[in-house]
Amino acid sequence: MSYTPDQELVAQCLEGCETAWQQLYRRTEKTVMFVIRSRKWGLSLQQTEEVGQEALNSFFSSLDTFDFNCSLETFASTIAKNKCISEIRRQSAAKRAGERFAVPLQGYEPASSLNGSDTCRLVSAEEHRQLLAAFRQLEEYSRIILRMRYYDDCSYTQIAERLNIPVGTVGSRLKRSLAHLRKKVEEYMTDS
């Protein structure tokens, strides 16, 4: 297959040419996956695939506004790099949230069943009670998205599909929901 210059290839794709889309996909997919796999991002195989799909989706959705200030490969690699950085930031935020809200929402023992000398377990049960009370005060969409991500262990892609929202929206809603939960926990702790 011959190489088609960037502007011509994009124009053909936007006109709906199947061959052009196939050529663009092959070029872009190689570039995106090279960036994701060659860097020491520390992503699992599943995360690599998800980030790759997110990067390709972003690339193709912005194709109609591409201004040709750089090559398509450069544009695709920049998107891939940014998606990797976003995934690392998401992991870091989830880890911080997990450390702060490490008490599970289900399967805990109530304080009344604890041995009186077991102070650590009593404190844990109290933290759980406060977290659960704060969690219940959240808006329904916040409870749903937090439960899907942190308790059902759904990926961003799975959450996006189940809630019928863009993948990028999942991250912003999770961040906003965690902030609401943090605020509710702090309010609950000062009121108690």
C-alpha atoms as a PDB file:
ATOM      1  CA  MET A   1       0.000   0.000   0.000  1.00  0.00           C
ATOM      2  CA  SER A   2       1.331   3.447  -0.885  1.00  0.00           C
ATOM      3  CA  TYR A   3       1.866   6.221   1.636  1.00  0.00           C
ATOM      4  CA  THR A   4      -0.680   9.050   1.472  1.00  0.00           C
ATOM      5  CA  PRO A   5       0.284  12.542   2.708  1.00  0.00           C
ATOM      6  CA  ASP A   6      -1.441  13.633   5.924  1.00  0.00           C
ATOM      7  CA  GLN A   7      -3.781  16.302   4.508  1.00  0.00           C
ATOM      8  CA  GLU A   8      -4.896  14.096   1.647  1.00  0.00           C
ATOM      9  CA  LEU A   9      -5.434  11.125   3.967  1.00  0.00           C
ATOM     10  CA  VAL A  10      -7.512  13.151   6.430  1.00  0.00           C
ATOM     11  CA  ALA A  11      -9.590  14.632   3.618  1.00  0.00           C
ATOM     12  CA  GLN A  12     -10.290  11.135   2.262  1.00  0.00           C
ATOM     13  CA  CYS A  13     -11.224   9.880   5.724  1.00  0.00           C
ATOM     14  CA  LEU A  14     -13.615  12.757   6.310  1.00  0.00           C
ATOM     15  CA  GLU A  15     -15.218  11.970   2.930  1.00  0.00           C
ATOM     16  CA  GLY A  16     -15.803   8.421   4.171  1.00  0.00           C
ATOM     17  CA  CYS A  17     -13.198   6.496   2.165  1.00  0.00           C
ATOM     18  CA  GLU A  18     -12.837   3.066   3.828  1.00  0.00           C
ATOM     19  CA  THR A  19      -9.322   2.481   2.469  1.00  0.00           C
ATOM     20  CA  ALA A  20      -8.150   5.819   3.854  1.00  0.00           C
ATOM     21  CA  TRP A  21      -9.609   4.977   7.295  1.00  0.00           C
ATOM     22  CA  GLN A  22      -7.804   1.632   7.251  1.00  0.00           C
ATOM     23  CA  GLN A  23      -4.505   3.260   6.335  1.00  0.00           C
ATOM     24  CA  LEU A  24      -4.947   5.961   8.972  1.00  0.00           C
ATOM     25  CA  TYR A  25      -5.855   3.391  11.611  1.00  0.00           C
ATOM     26  CA  ARG A  26      -2.775   1.269  10.861  1.00  0.00           C
ATOM     27  CA  ARG A  27      -0.458   4.289  11.009  1.00  0.00           C
ATOM     28  CA  THR A  28      -2.031   5.716  14.154  1.00  0.00           C
ATOM     29  CA  GLU A  29      -2.446   2.453  16.046  1.00  0.00           C
ATOM     30  CA  LYS A  30       1.241   1.612  15.600  1.00  0.00           C
ATOM     31  CA  THR A  31       2.299   5.043  16.839  1.00  0.00           C
ATOM     32  CA  VAL A  32      -0.069   5.074  19.813  1.00  0.00           C
ATOM     33  CA  MET A  33       0.813   1.574  20.977  1.00  0.00           C
ATOM     34  CA  PHE A  34       4.540   2.243  20.502  1.00  0.00           C
ATOM     35  CA  VAL A  35       4.322   5.245  22.847  1.00  0.00           C
ATOM     36  CA  ILE A  36       2.249   3.391  25.437  1.00  0.00           C
ATOM     37  CA  ARG A  37       4.344   0.227  25.385  1.00  0.00           C
ATOM     38  CA  SER A  38       7.827   1.731  24.950  1.00  0.00           C
ATOM     39  CA  ARG A  39       7.624   4.091  27.898  1.00  0.00           C
ATOM     40  CA  LYS A  40       8.021   2.878  31.434  1.00  0.00           C
ATOM     41  CA  TRP A  41       4.511   3.937  32.391  1.00  0.00           C
ATOM     42  CA  GLY A  42       4.002   0.935  34.638  1.00  0.00           C
ATOM     43  CA  LEU A  43       0.613   0.132  33.124  1.00  0.00           C
ATOM     44  CA  SER A  44      -0.838  -3.361  33.210  1.00  0.00           C
ATOM     45  CA  LEU A  45      -1.760  -5.084  29.958  1.00  0.00           C
ATOM     46  CA  GLN A  46      -5.434  -4.214  30.487  1.00  0.00           C
ATOM     47  CA  GLN A  47      -4.594  -0.588  31.267  1.00  0.00           C
ATOM     48  CA  THR A  48      -2.356  -0.436  28.186  1.00  0.00           C
ATOM     49  CA  GLU A  49      -5.234  -1.604  26.015  1.00  0.00           C
ATOM     50  CA  GLU A  50      -7.700   0.818  27.650  1.00  0.00           C
ATOM     51  CA  VAL A  51      -5.353   3.785  27.369  1.00  0.00           C
ATOM     52  CA  GLY A  52      -4.626   2.834  23.762  1.00  0.00           C
ATOM     53  CA  GLN A  53      -8.333   2.768  22.935  1.00  0.00           C
ATOM     54  CA  GLU A  54      -8.898   6.090  24.707  1.00  0.00           C
ATOM     55  CA  ALA A  55      -6.004   7.654  22.787  1.00  0.00           C
ATOM     56  CA  LEU A  56      -7.279   6.340  19.452  1.00  0.00           C
ATOM     57  CA  ASN A  57     -10.816   7.523  20.238  1.00  0.00           C
ATOM     58  CA  SER A  58      -9.521  10.993  21.106  1.00  0.00           C
ATOM     59  CA  PHE A  59      -7.385  11.088  17.980  1.00  0.00           C
ATOM     60  CA  PHE A  60     -10.221  10.091  15.643  1.00  0.00           C
ATOM     61  CA  SER A  61     -12.770  12.349  17.320  1.00  0.00           C
ATOM     62  CA  SER A  62     -10.487  15.375  16.872  1.00  0.00           C
ATOM     63  CA  LEU A  63      -9.540  14.575  13.283  1.00  0.00           C
ATOM     64  CA  ASP A  64     -11.983  17.086  11.802  1.00  0.00           C
ATOM     65  CA  THR A  65     -10.297  19.923  13.739  1.00  0.00           C
ATOM     66  CA  PHE A  66      -6.685  18.818  13.127  1.00  0.00           C
ATOM     67  CA  ASP A  67      -4.707  21.865  11.940  1.00  0.00           C
ATOM     68  CA  PHE A  68      -1.632  20.118  10.389  1.00  0.00           C
ATOM     69  CA  ASN A  69       0.877  22.084  12.486  1.00  0.00           C
ATOM     70  CA  CYS A  70       2.541  18.710  13.028  1.00  0.00           C
ATOM     71  CA  SER A  71       2.333  15.250  11.483  1.00  0.00           C
ATOM     72  CA  LEU A  72      -0.502  12.877  12.273  1.00  0.00           C
ATOM     73  CA  GLU A  73       2.003  10.573  14.014  1.00  0.00           C
ATOM     74  CA  THR A  74       3.236  13.401  16.240  1.00  0.00           C
ATOM     75  CA  PHE A  75      -0.332  14.375  17.085  1.00  0.00           C
ATOM     76  CA  ALA A  76      -1.249  10.743  17.876  1.00  0.00           C
ATOM     77  CA  SER A  77       1.868  10.236  20.024  1.00  0.00           C
ATOM     78  CA  THR A  78       1.124  13.413  21.987  1.00  0.00           C
ATOM     79  CA  ILE A  79      -2.411  12.223  22.667  1.00  0.00           C
ATOM     80  CA  ALA A  80      -1.088   8.796  23.732  1.00  0.00           C
ATOM     81  CA  LYS A  81       1.451  10.380  26.084  1.00  0.00           C
ATOM     82  CA  ASN A  82      -1.225  12.608  27.624  1.00  0.00           C
ATOM     83  CA  LYS A  83      -3.568   9.639  28.091  1.00  0.00           C
ATOM     84  CA  CYS A  84      -0.781   7.720  29.872  1.00  0.00           C
ATOM     85  CA  ILE A  85      -0.153  10.682  32.159  1.00  0.00           C
ATOM     86  CA  SER A  86      -3.889  10.930  32.883  1.00  0.00           C
ATOM     87  CA  GLU A  87      -4.009   7.225  33.739  1.00  0.00           C
ATOM     88  CA  ILE A  88      -1.047   7.564  36.116  1.00  0.00           C
ATOM     89  CA  ARG A  89      -2.702  10.561  37.772  1.00  0.00           C
ATOM     90  CA  ARG A  90      -5.958   8.618  38.056  1.00  0.00           C
ATOM     91  CA  GLN A  91      -4.130   5.706  39.671  1.00  0.00           C
ATOM     92  CA  SER A  92      -2.403   8.067  42.074  1.00  0.00           C
ATOM     93  CA  ALA A  93      -5.706   9.732  43.002  1.00  0.00           C
ATOM     94  CA  ALA A  94      -7.352   6.342  43.488  1.00  0.00           C
ATOM     95  CA  LYS A  95      -4.473   5.220  45.678  1.00  0.00           C
ATOM     96  CA  ARG A  96      -4.727   8.378  47.792  1.00  0.00           C
ATOM     97  CA  ALA A  97      -8.483   7.919  48.046  1.00  0.00           C
ATOM     98  CA  GLY A  98      -8.001   4.272  48.932  1.00  0.00           C
ATOM     99  CA  GLU A  99      -5.572   5.190  51.684  1.00  0.00           C
ATOM    100  CA  ARG A 100      -7.862   7.844  53.062  1.00  0.00           C
ATOM    101  CA  PHE A 101     -11.066   5.831  52.704  1.00  0.00           C
ATOM    102  CA  ALA A 102      -9.635   2.364  53.234  1.00  0.00           C
ATOM    103  CA  VAL A 103     -12.555   1.136  55.328  1.00  0.00           C
ATOM    104  CA  PRO A 104     -14.846  -1.072  53.190  1.00  0.00           C
ATOM    105  CA  LEU A 105     -18.486  -0.133  52.771  1.00  0.00           C
ATOM    106  CA  GLN A 106     -19.704  -3.699  53.123  1.00  0.00           C
ATOM    107  CA  GLY A 107     -18.802  -6.672  55.248  1.00  0.00           C
ATOM    108  CA  TYR A 108     -17.769  -4.831  58.412  1.00  0.00           C
ATOM    109  CA  GLU A 109     -18.418  -5.854  61.984  1.00  0.00           C
ATOM    110  CA  PRO A 110     -20.543  -3.407  63.979  1.00  0.00           C
ATOM    111  CA  ALA A 111     -18.900  -1.864  67.037  1.00  0.00           C
ATOM    112  CA  SER A 112     -21.240  -3.795  69.355  1.00  0.00           C
ATOM    113  CA  SER A 113     -19.678  -7.112  68.263  1.00  0.00           C
ATOM    114  CA  LEU A 114     -16.102  -6.034  69.007  1.00  0.00           C
ATOM    115  CA  ASN A 115     -14.049  -7.113  71.968  1.00  0.00           C
ATOM    116  CA  GLY A 116     -13.741  -4.116  74.314  1.00  0.00           C
ATOM    117  CA  SER A 117      -9.943  -4.407  74.427  1.00  0.00           C
ATOM    118  CA  ASP A 118      -9.555  -4.298  70.675  1.00  0.00           C
ATOM    119  CA  THR A 119      -9.190  -0.509  70.265  1.00  0.00           C
ATOM    120  CA  CYS A 120      -7.935  -0.646  66.664  1.00  0.00           C
ATOM    121  CA  ARG A 121     -10.982  -2.534  65.492  1.00  0.00           C
ATOM    122  CA  LEU A 122     -13.257  -0.173  67.393  1.00  0.00           C
ATOM    123  CA  VAL A 123     -11.657   2.865  65.749  1.00  0.00           C
ATOM    124  CA  SER A 124     -11.951   1.149  62.373  1.00  0.00           C
ATOM    125  CA  ALA A 125     -15.633   0.462  62.970  1.00  0.00           C
ATOM    126  CA  GLU A 126     -16.186   4.113  63.932  1.00  0.00           C
ATOM    127  CA  GLU A 127     -14.362   5.295  60.810  1.00  0.00           C
ATOM    128  CA  HIS A 128     -16.519   2.961  58.766  1.00  0.00           C
ATOM    129  CA  ARG A 129     -19.682   4.319  60.370  1.00  0.00           C
ATOM    130  CA  GLN A 130     -18.614   7.884  59.565  1.00  0.00           C
ATOM    131  CA  LEU A 131     -17.627   7.024  56.004  1.00  0.00           C
ATOM    132  CA  LEU A 132     -20.860   5.149  55.390  1.00  0.00           C
ATOM    133  CA  ALA A 133     -22.916   8.035  56.794  1.00  0.00           C
ATOM    134  CA  ALA A 134     -21.044  10.503  54.563  1.00  0.00           C
ATOM    135  CA  PHE A 135     -21.387   8.179  51.550  1.00  0.00           C
ATOM    136  CA  ARG A 136     -25.160   7.953  52.046  1.00  0.00           C
ATOM    137  CA  GLN A 137     -25.431  11.757  51.986  1.00  0.00           C
ATOM    138  CA  LEU A 138     -23.947  11.981  48.478  1.00  0.00           C
ATOM    139  CA  GLU A 139     -26.018  12.528  45.372  1.00  0.00           C
ATOM    140  CA  GLU A 140     -27.081   9.297  43.689  1.00  0.00           C
ATOM    141  CA  TYR A 141     -24.778   9.776  40.660  1.00  0.00           C
ATOM    142  CA  SER A 142     -21.797  10.177  43.017  1.00  0.00           C
ATOM    143  CA  ARG A 143     -22.657   7.038  44.968  1.00  0.00           C
ATOM    144  CA  ILE A 144     -23.110   5.048  41.760  1.00  0.00           C
ATOM    145  CA  ILE A 145     -19.858   6.100  40.096  1.00  0.00           C
ATOM    146  CA  LEU A 146     -17.793   5.679  43.283  1.00  0.00           C
ATOM    147  CA  ARG A 147     -19.239   2.251  43.928  1.00  0.00           C
ATOM    148  CA  MET A 148     -18.628   1.162  40.320  1.00  0.00           C
ATOM    149  CA  ARG A 149     -14.995   2.322  40.345  1.00  0.00           C
ATOM    150  CA  TYR A 150     -13.782   1.553  43.858  1.00  0.00           C
ATOM    151  CA  TYR A 151     -16.017  -1.296  44.998  1.00  0.00           C
ATOM    152  CA  ASP A 152     -16.994  -3.084  41.780  1.00  0.00           C
ATOM    153  CA  ASP A 153     -13.499  -2.344  40.358  1.00  0.00           C
ATOM    154  CA  CYS A 154     -14.885  -1.275  36.963  1.00  0.00           C
ATOM    155  CA  SER A 155     -12.535   0.358  34.468  1.00  0.00           C
ATOM    156  CA  TYR A 156     -13.233   3.829  33.107  1.00  0.00           C
ATOM    157  CA  THR A 157     -14.356   2.238  29.850  1.00  0.00           C
ATOM    158  CA  GLN A 158     -16.782  -0.098  31.621  1.00  0.00           C
ATOM    159  CA  ILE A 159     -18.225   2.773  33.656  1.00  0.00           C
ATOM    160  CA  ALA A 160     -18.600   4.910  30.523  1.00  0.00           C
ATOM    161  CA  GLU A 161     -20.443   2.113  28.738  1.00  0.00           C
ATOM    162  CA  ARG A 162     -22.744   1.344  31.669  1.00  0.00           C
ATOM    163  CA  LEU A 163     -23.593   4.982  32.345  1.00  0.00           C
ATOM    164  CA  ASN A 164     -23.640   5.929  28.647  1.00  0.00           C
ATOM    165  CA  ILE A 165     -21.187   8.809  29.100  1.00  0.00           C
ATOM    166  CA  PRO A 166     -17.828   9.627  27.433  1.00  0.00           C
ATOM    167  CA  VAL A 167     -14.751   8.030  29.018  1.00  0.00           C
ATOM    168  CA  GLY A 168     -13.274  11.467  29.755  1.00  0.00           C
ATOM    169  CA  THR A 169     -16.373  12.392  31.727  1.00  0.00           C
ATOM    170  CA  VAL A 170     -15.854   9.391  34.006  1.00  0.00           C
ATOM    171  CA  GLY A 171     -12.591  10.822  35.328  1.00  0.00           C
ATOM    172  CA  SER A 172     -14.022  14.266  36.017  1.00  0.00           C
ATOM    173  CA  ARG A 173     -17.128  12.826  37.712  1.00  0.00           C
ATOM    174  CA  LEU A 174     -14.991  10.526  39.866  1.00  0.00           C
ATOM    175  CA  LYS A 175     -12.797  13.412  40.909  1.00  0.00           C
ATOM    176  CA  ARG A 176     -15.818  15.559  41.733  1.00  0.00           C
ATOM    177  CA  SER A 177     -17.520  12.691  43.603  1.00  0.00           C
ATOM    178  CA  LEU A 178     -14.401  11.992  45.682  1.00  0.00           C
ATOM    179  CA  ALA A 179     -14.194  15.681  46.564  1.00  0.00           C
ATOM    180  CA  HIS A 180     -17.860  15.625  47.645  1.00  0.00           C
ATOM    181  CA  LEU A 181     -17.244  12.494  49.723  1.00  0.00           C
ATOM    182  CA  ARG A 182     -14.164  14.027  51.337  1.00  0.00           C
ATOM    183  CA  LYS A 183     -16.158  17.157  52.194  1.00  0.00           C
ATOM    184  CA  LYS A 184     -19.022  15.113  53.650  1.00  0.00           C
ATOM    185  CA  VAL A 185     -16.603  13.041  55.753  1.00  0.00           C
ATOM    186  CA  GLU A 186     -14.946  16.185  57.082  1.00  0.00           C
ATOM    187  CA  GLU A 187     -18.353  17.751  57.851  1.00  0.00           C
ATOM    188  CA  TYR A 188     -19.502  14.568  59.540  1.00  0.00           C
ATOM    189  CA  MET A 189     -16.326  14.372  61.639  1.00  0.00           C
ATOM    190  CA  THR A 190     -16.608  18.000  62.803  1.00  0.00           C
ATOM    191  CA  ASP A 191     -20.294  17.586  63.635  1.00  0.00           C
ATOM    192  CA  SER A 192     -19.699  14.382  65.643  1.00  0.00           C
END
